[in-house]
């Protein structure tokens, strides 16, 4: 597929693009498939194992484990929208993607990322009620409430992502059809558009800042209340267990947002395309790879179920 020169005045608008992730290592692209494939297998295997144990074990049928199950499902779905397509491009050179396919991947990817943040908020809510309102926990955190909150969160994420896709779909991409990334990132794709795209980029940035700021604020408020209650109400072993459980969730929150912050900073710094691609890969793949190890090791009930299943 031909690539237009760097000229924003071309009259034609591209409908087919080339995803060229890590352009600086084009001579050994097949080798890049090895870490991507390995990480993807780890994500699928780790997530499915823990999801299966939560589904099968009656002792794990509670709101907290339902949310852990949902988190792993979101992780798998998000990475399935990215990695298989990347593997096909690296191994077989099938790098072409249609404009519609690019928008679909972007929509699916961003929706899952936002919904993952929503699930982390629900986890914080669950721990807040369990620690600050223990006597009302089973009355408040019902399966029906969690289902409604999950559906509401998913619909909300769709509504937040839709303006980004709608605005981007109105751009004429006549600058080039070469996307120097392994996924259809909004910022990378819009840089291929003609004319003034500053307003469009501002819309996407405002949505991201609004969602991130709101989520982080709610998380900080929730965990501040939890820590205050744990230090002033809970004592002895109960306090240790409470702090241990909250520490597990906090480590996941910090991991996710740190990787997201790293990726956002990298896209706005004058660094090489390969480093930007690397930070993007870390953002999407690394947390999902680590989550099974965090929950499998730090959550005692899940760890014991895994050990019991292994000894069988």
Protein backbone atom coordinates (compact mmCIF):
# COMPACT_ATOMS: atom_id res chain seq x y z
CA UNK A 1 0.00 0.00 0.00
CA UNK A 2 1.40 3.38 -0.99
CA UNK A 3 2.04 5.97 1.65
CA UNK A 4 1.57 9.60 0.80
CA UNK A 5 4.39 12.01 1.45
CA UNK A 6 4.21 14.32 4.45
CA UNK A 7 1.79 16.78 2.89
CA UNK A 8 -1.42 17.90 4.57
CA UNK A 9 -2.79 19.44 1.38
CA UNK A 10 -3.50 16.18 -0.49
CA UNK A 11 -7.07 16.13 -1.82
CA UNK A 12 -7.73 12.42 -1.22
CA UNK A 13 -8.79 10.93 2.11
CA UNK A 14 -7.51 7.50 3.07
CA UNK A 15 -9.86 4.68 3.96
CA UNK A 16 -7.12 2.06 4.38
CA UNK A 17 -4.22 2.32 6.81
CA UNK A 18 -1.02 0.47 7.65
CA UNK A 19 -0.32 -0.32 11.33
CA UNK A 20 3.46 -0.20 11.55
CA UNK A 21 4.34 -0.66 15.20
CA UNK A 22 8.01 -0.43 16.20
CA UNK A 23 9.25 0.82 12.80
CA UNK A 24 12.86 0.97 14.00
CA UNK A 25 13.12 -2.82 14.23
CA UNK A 26 11.54 -3.73 10.90
CA UNK A 27 14.24 -6.32 10.08
CA UNK A 28 13.37 -8.51 13.07
CA UNK A 29 9.63 -7.97 13.34
CA UNK A 30 8.92 -11.69 13.65
CA UNK A 31 10.91 -11.77 16.89
CA UNK A 32 8.64 -9.09 18.35
CA UNK A 33 5.78 -11.55 18.08
CA UNK A 34 7.40 -13.72 20.79
CA UNK A 35 6.95 -11.28 23.73
CA UNK A 36 3.50 -10.24 22.52
CA UNK A 37 2.39 -13.88 22.20
CA UNK A 38 3.94 -14.84 25.56
CA UNK A 39 2.30 -11.96 27.40
CA UNK A 40 -1.06 -12.63 25.74
CA UNK A 41 -0.95 -16.29 26.75
CA UNK A 42 -0.09 -15.28 30.33
CA UNK A 43 -3.02 -12.85 30.39
CA UNK A 44 -5.47 -15.43 29.05
CA UNK A 45 -4.20 -18.31 31.20
CA UNK A 46 -3.94 -16.35 34.45
CA UNK A 47 -7.27 -14.61 34.00
CA UNK A 48 -9.20 -17.73 32.97
CA UNK A 49 -7.79 -19.82 35.83
CA UNK A 50 -8.82 -17.30 38.49
CA UNK A 51 -12.17 -16.60 36.83
CA UNK A 52 -12.90 -20.34 36.71
CA UNK A 53 -12.06 -20.81 40.40
CA UNK A 54 -14.26 -17.83 41.38
CA UNK A 55 -17.09 -19.24 39.26
CA UNK A 56 -16.82 -22.76 40.70
CA UNK A 57 -16.06 -22.11 44.38
CA UNK A 58 -19.12 -21.38 46.51
CA UNK A 59 -16.91 -19.72 49.12
CA UNK A 60 -15.99 -17.06 46.55
CA UNK A 61 -19.57 -16.13 45.64
CA UNK A 62 -19.51 -12.63 47.11
CA UNK A 63 -19.49 -9.07 45.71
CA UNK A 64 -15.72 -8.61 46.08
CA UNK A 65 -14.94 -11.72 44.02
CA UNK A 66 -17.61 -10.86 41.46
CA UNK A 67 -15.77 -7.59 40.85
CA UNK A 68 -12.41 -9.38 40.59
CA UNK A 69 -14.03 -11.73 38.05
CA UNK A 70 -15.31 -8.71 36.11
CA UNK A 71 -11.88 -7.04 36.18
CA UNK A 72 -10.23 -10.08 34.60
CA UNK A 73 -12.97 -10.33 31.97
CA UNK A 74 -12.36 -6.68 31.01
CA UNK A 75 -8.58 -7.24 30.87
CA UNK A 76 -8.97 -10.19 28.51
CA UNK A 77 -11.48 -8.41 26.28
CA UNK A 78 -9.36 -5.26 25.95
CA UNK A 79 -6.19 -7.15 25.05
CA UNK A 80 -8.04 -9.44 22.65
CA UNK A 81 -8.99 -6.31 20.70
CA UNK A 82 -5.28 -5.47 20.31
CA UNK A 83 -2.87 -8.41 20.49
CA UNK A 84 -4.21 -10.90 17.88
CA UNK A 85 -4.23 -8.17 15.24
CA UNK A 86 -0.68 -7.20 16.25
CA UNK A 87 0.52 -10.82 16.02
CA UNK A 88 -0.94 -11.22 12.53
CA UNK A 89 0.82 -8.03 11.43
CA UNK A 90 4.18 -9.06 12.92
CA UNK A 91 4.16 -12.67 11.71
CA UNK A 92 2.48 -12.43 8.31
CA UNK A 93 2.93 -8.79 7.37
CA UNK A 94 -0.86 -8.24 7.22
CA UNK A 95 -0.66 -4.70 8.54
CA UNK A 96 -3.58 -3.19 6.63
CA UNK A 97 -6.64 -2.04 8.53
CA UNK A 98 -9.68 -0.18 7.21
CA UNK A 99 -10.73 3.18 8.63
CA UNK A 100 -13.89 1.55 9.99
CA UNK A 101 -11.84 -1.23 11.55
CA UNK A 102 -9.55 1.36 13.11
CA UNK A 103 -12.48 3.24 14.62
CA UNK A 104 -14.01 -0.01 15.89
CA UNK A 105 -10.75 -1.04 17.55
CA UNK A 106 -10.36 2.43 19.07
CA UNK A 107 -13.93 2.44 20.38
CA UNK A 108 -13.68 -1.07 21.83
CA UNK A 109 -10.24 -0.43 23.33
CA UNK A 110 -11.11 2.90 24.98
CA UNK A 111 -14.45 1.61 26.25
CA UNK A 112 -12.76 -1.34 27.97
CA UNK A 113 -10.03 0.88 29.46
CA UNK A 114 -12.64 3.27 30.89
CA UNK A 115 -14.80 0.38 32.10
CA UNK A 116 -11.77 -1.12 33.88
CA UNK A 117 -11.43 2.15 35.78
CA UNK A 118 -15.16 1.91 36.58
CA UNK A 119 -14.68 -1.60 37.98
CA UNK A 120 -11.85 -0.32 40.20
CA UNK A 121 -14.27 2.32 41.53
CA UNK A 122 -16.84 -0.37 42.31
CA UNK A 123 -14.13 -2.30 44.17
CA UNK A 124 -13.42 0.79 46.26
CA UNK A 125 -17.16 1.16 46.96
CA UNK A 126 -17.39 -2.49 48.00
CA UNK A 127 -14.48 -2.15 50.44
CA UNK A 128 -15.89 1.13 51.78
CA UNK A 129 -19.24 -0.45 52.65
CA UNK A 130 -17.57 -3.60 54.04
CA UNK A 131 -15.32 -1.62 56.39
CA UNK A 132 -17.26 1.56 57.15
CA UNK A 133 -20.78 0.04 57.18
CA UNK A 134 -20.15 -3.63 58.06
CA UNK A 135 -23.57 -4.30 59.57
CA UNK A 136 -25.31 -3.15 56.40
CA UNK A 137 -22.89 -4.74 53.93
CA UNK A 138 -25.09 -7.64 52.82
CA UNK A 139 -28.14 -5.38 52.61
CA UNK A 140 -26.35 -2.74 50.53
CA UNK A 141 -23.94 -4.71 48.30
CA UNK A 142 -26.44 -7.04 46.69
CA UNK A 143 -25.93 -8.89 43.41
CA UNK A 144 -28.72 -6.84 41.86
CA UNK A 145 -27.05 -3.54 42.80
CA UNK A 146 -23.68 -4.65 41.44
CA UNK A 147 -25.27 -5.80 38.19
CA UNK A 148 -27.08 -2.47 37.77
CA UNK A 149 -23.93 -0.47 38.58
CA UNK A 150 -21.90 -2.57 36.14
CA UNK A 151 -24.42 -2.06 33.34
CA UNK A 152 -24.67 1.66 34.11
CA UNK A 153 -20.87 1.97 34.09
CA UNK A 154 -20.57 0.14 30.78
CA UNK A 155 -23.23 2.34 29.15
CA UNK A 156 -21.58 5.46 30.58
CA UNK A 157 -18.21 4.43 29.10
CA UNK A 158 -19.84 3.92 25.69
CA UNK A 159 -21.39 7.38 25.86
CA UNK A 160 -18.08 8.99 26.86
CA UNK A 161 -16.08 7.30 24.09
CA UNK A 162 -18.67 7.91 21.35
CA UNK A 163 -17.93 11.67 20.94
CA UNK A 164 -14.24 10.91 20.38
CA UNK A 165 -15.07 8.44 17.59
CA UNK A 166 -17.76 10.68 16.04
CA UNK A 167 -15.44 13.69 15.93
CA UNK A 168 -12.53 11.63 14.57
CA UNK A 169 -14.76 10.13 11.84
CA UNK A 170 -15.31 13.62 10.39
CA UNK A 171 -11.60 14.13 9.77
CA UNK A 172 -10.14 13.70 6.29
CA UNK A 173 -6.98 11.63 6.53
CA UNK A 174 -4.97 12.87 3.58
CA UNK A 175 -1.62 13.38 5.30
CA UNK A 176 -0.52 9.74 5.30
CA UNK A 177 -1.94 6.26 5.77
CA UNK A 178 0.98 4.97 7.85
CA UNK A 179 0.13 4.58 11.56
CA UNK A 180 3.38 4.23 13.51
CA UNK A 181 1.77 2.24 16.28
CA UNK A 182 0.54 -1.32 16.86
CA UNK A 183 -2.99 -0.10 17.67
CA UNK A 184 -5.30 2.68 16.50
CA UNK A 185 -4.57 5.31 19.13
CA UNK A 186 -6.64 8.47 18.85
CA UNK A 187 -3.69 10.90 19.05
CA UNK A 188 -1.65 8.98 16.47
CA UNK A 189 -4.54 8.68 14.01
CA UNK A 190 -5.57 12.33 14.27
CA UNK A 191 -2.03 13.43 13.47
CA UNK A 192 -2.63 12.00 9.98
CA UNK A 193 -5.62 14.31 9.43
CA UNK A 194 -5.71 17.35 7.17
CA UNK A 195 -6.33 20.90 8.22
CA UNK A 196 -6.64 22.14 11.78
CA UNK A 197 -7.17 19.25 14.18
CA UNK A 198 -6.36 21.11 17.40
CA UNK A 199 -10.02 21.40 18.43
CA UNK A 200 -10.57 17.68 17.85
CA UNK A 201 -7.52 16.74 19.91
CA UNK A 202 -8.70 19.06 22.69
CA UNK A 203 -12.07 17.23 22.81
CA UNK A 204 -10.34 13.87 23.23
CA UNK A 205 -7.93 15.26 25.82
CA UNK A 206 -10.75 16.89 27.81
CA UNK A 207 -12.74 13.64 27.93
CA UNK A 208 -9.68 11.73 29.11
CA UNK A 209 -8.75 14.33 31.75
CA UNK A 210 -12.35 14.60 32.97
CA UNK A 211 -12.78 10.84 33.34
CA UNK A 212 -9.34 10.30 34.90
CA UNK A 213 -9.65 13.22 37.33
CA UNK A 214 -13.14 12.14 38.42
CA UNK A 215 -12.10 8.50 38.90
CA UNK A 216 -8.93 9.35 40.83
CA UNK A 217 -10.84 11.80 43.06
CA UNK A 218 -13.50 9.22 43.91
CA UNK A 219 -10.85 6.56 44.55
CA UNK A 220 -8.90 8.88 46.87
CA UNK A 221 -12.05 9.81 48.80
CA UNK A 222 -13.10 6.16 49.13
CA UNK A 223 -9.74 4.83 50.29
CA UNK A 224 -9.16 7.78 52.62
CA UNK A 225 -12.45 6.94 54.33
CA UNK A 226 -11.52 3.26 54.40
CA UNK A 227 -8.10 3.90 55.95
CA UNK A 228 -9.59 6.30 58.49
CA UNK A 229 -12.20 3.74 59.53
CA UNK A 230 -9.63 0.93 59.64
CA UNK A 231 -7.28 2.89 61.89
CA UNK A 232 -9.98 4.16 64.25
CA UNK A 233 -12.56 1.37 64.38
CA UNK A 234 -10.94 -1.92 63.44
CA UNK A 235 -8.33 -3.40 65.77
CA UNK A 236 -5.89 -6.31 65.97
CA UNK A 237 -6.01 -9.02 63.33
CA UNK A 238 -9.11 -7.50 61.75
CA UNK A 239 -7.19 -4.28 61.09
CA UNK A 240 -4.31 -6.19 59.53
CA UNK A 241 -6.68 -8.13 57.29
CA UNK A 242 -8.50 -4.94 56.30
CA UNK A 243 -5.28 -3.10 55.42
CA UNK A 244 -4.00 -6.16 53.54
CA UNK A 245 -7.15 -6.39 51.41
CA UNK A 246 -7.20 -2.65 50.72
CA UNK A 247 -3.47 -2.77 49.95
CA UNK A 248 -4.16 -5.36 47.25
CA UNK A 249 -6.76 -3.18 45.57
CA UNK A 250 -4.62 -0.06 45.96
CA UNK A 251 -1.62 -1.78 44.35
CA UNK A 252 -3.80 -2.62 41.33
CA UNK A 253 -5.09 0.98 41.16
CA UNK A 254 -1.58 2.46 41.38
CA UNK A 255 -0.28 0.00 38.77
CA UNK A 256 -3.04 0.84 36.28
CA UNK A 257 -2.89 4.61 36.63
CA UNK A 258 0.92 4.72 36.70
CA UNK A 259 1.10 2.86 33.39
CA UNK A 260 -1.58 5.15 31.93
CA UNK A 261 0.28 8.26 33.09
CA UNK A 262 3.54 6.94 31.64
CA UNK A 263 1.88 6.35 28.26
CA UNK A 264 0.22 9.79 28.22
CA UNK A 265 3.50 11.55 29.03
CA UNK A 266 5.42 9.54 26.44
CA UNK A 267 3.05 10.55 23.63
CA UNK A 268 3.68 14.21 24.42
CA UNK A 269 7.47 14.02 24.74
CA UNK A 270 10.06 14.32 21.95
CA UNK A 271 11.14 10.68 22.14
CA UNK A 272 11.44 7.99 19.49
CA UNK A 273 8.40 6.23 18.03
CA UNK A 274 9.69 2.91 19.35
CA UNK A 275 9.77 4.22 22.94
CA UNK A 276 6.25 5.59 22.55
CA UNK A 277 5.13 2.19 21.25
CA UNK A 278 6.83 0.49 24.19
CA UNK A 279 5.07 2.67 26.78
CA UNK A 280 1.76 2.06 24.99
CA UNK A 281 2.37 -1.70 25.10
CA UNK A 282 3.22 -1.47 28.81
CA UNK A 283 0.00 0.46 29.45
CA UNK A 284 -2.25 -2.10 27.78
CA UNK A 285 -0.43 -5.36 28.54
CA UNK A 286 1.58 -5.07 31.75
CA UNK A 287 -1.24 -4.49 34.30
CA UNK A 288 -3.35 -7.30 32.81
CA UNK A 289 -0.31 -9.61 33.05
CA UNK A 290 0.37 -8.75 36.69
CA UNK A 291 -3.23 -8.78 37.96
CA UNK A 292 -3.51 -12.61 38.20
CA UNK A 293 -0.29 -12.77 40.22
CA UNK A 294 -1.41 -9.98 42.56
CA UNK A 295 -4.81 -11.49 43.30
CA UNK A 296 -3.59 -15.08 43.18
CA UNK A 297 -0.91 -14.37 45.78
CA UNK A 298 -2.30 -11.62 48.01
CA UNK A 299 -5.96 -12.69 48.31
CA UNK A 300 -5.84 -15.63 50.71
CA UNK A 301 -9.17 -17.17 49.68
CA UNK A 302 -8.20 -17.23 45.99
CA UNK A 303 -4.72 -18.53 46.80
CA UNK A 304 -6.10 -21.40 48.89
CA UNK A 305 -8.58 -22.33 46.15
CA UNK A 306 -5.81 -22.38 43.57
CA UNK A 307 -3.60 -24.52 45.81
CA UNK A 308 -6.48 -26.91 46.49
CA UNK A 309 -7.23 -27.22 42.77
CA UNK A 310 -3.53 -27.81 42.01
CA UNK A 311 -3.16 -30.55 44.63
CA UNK A 312 -6.10 -32.40 43.14
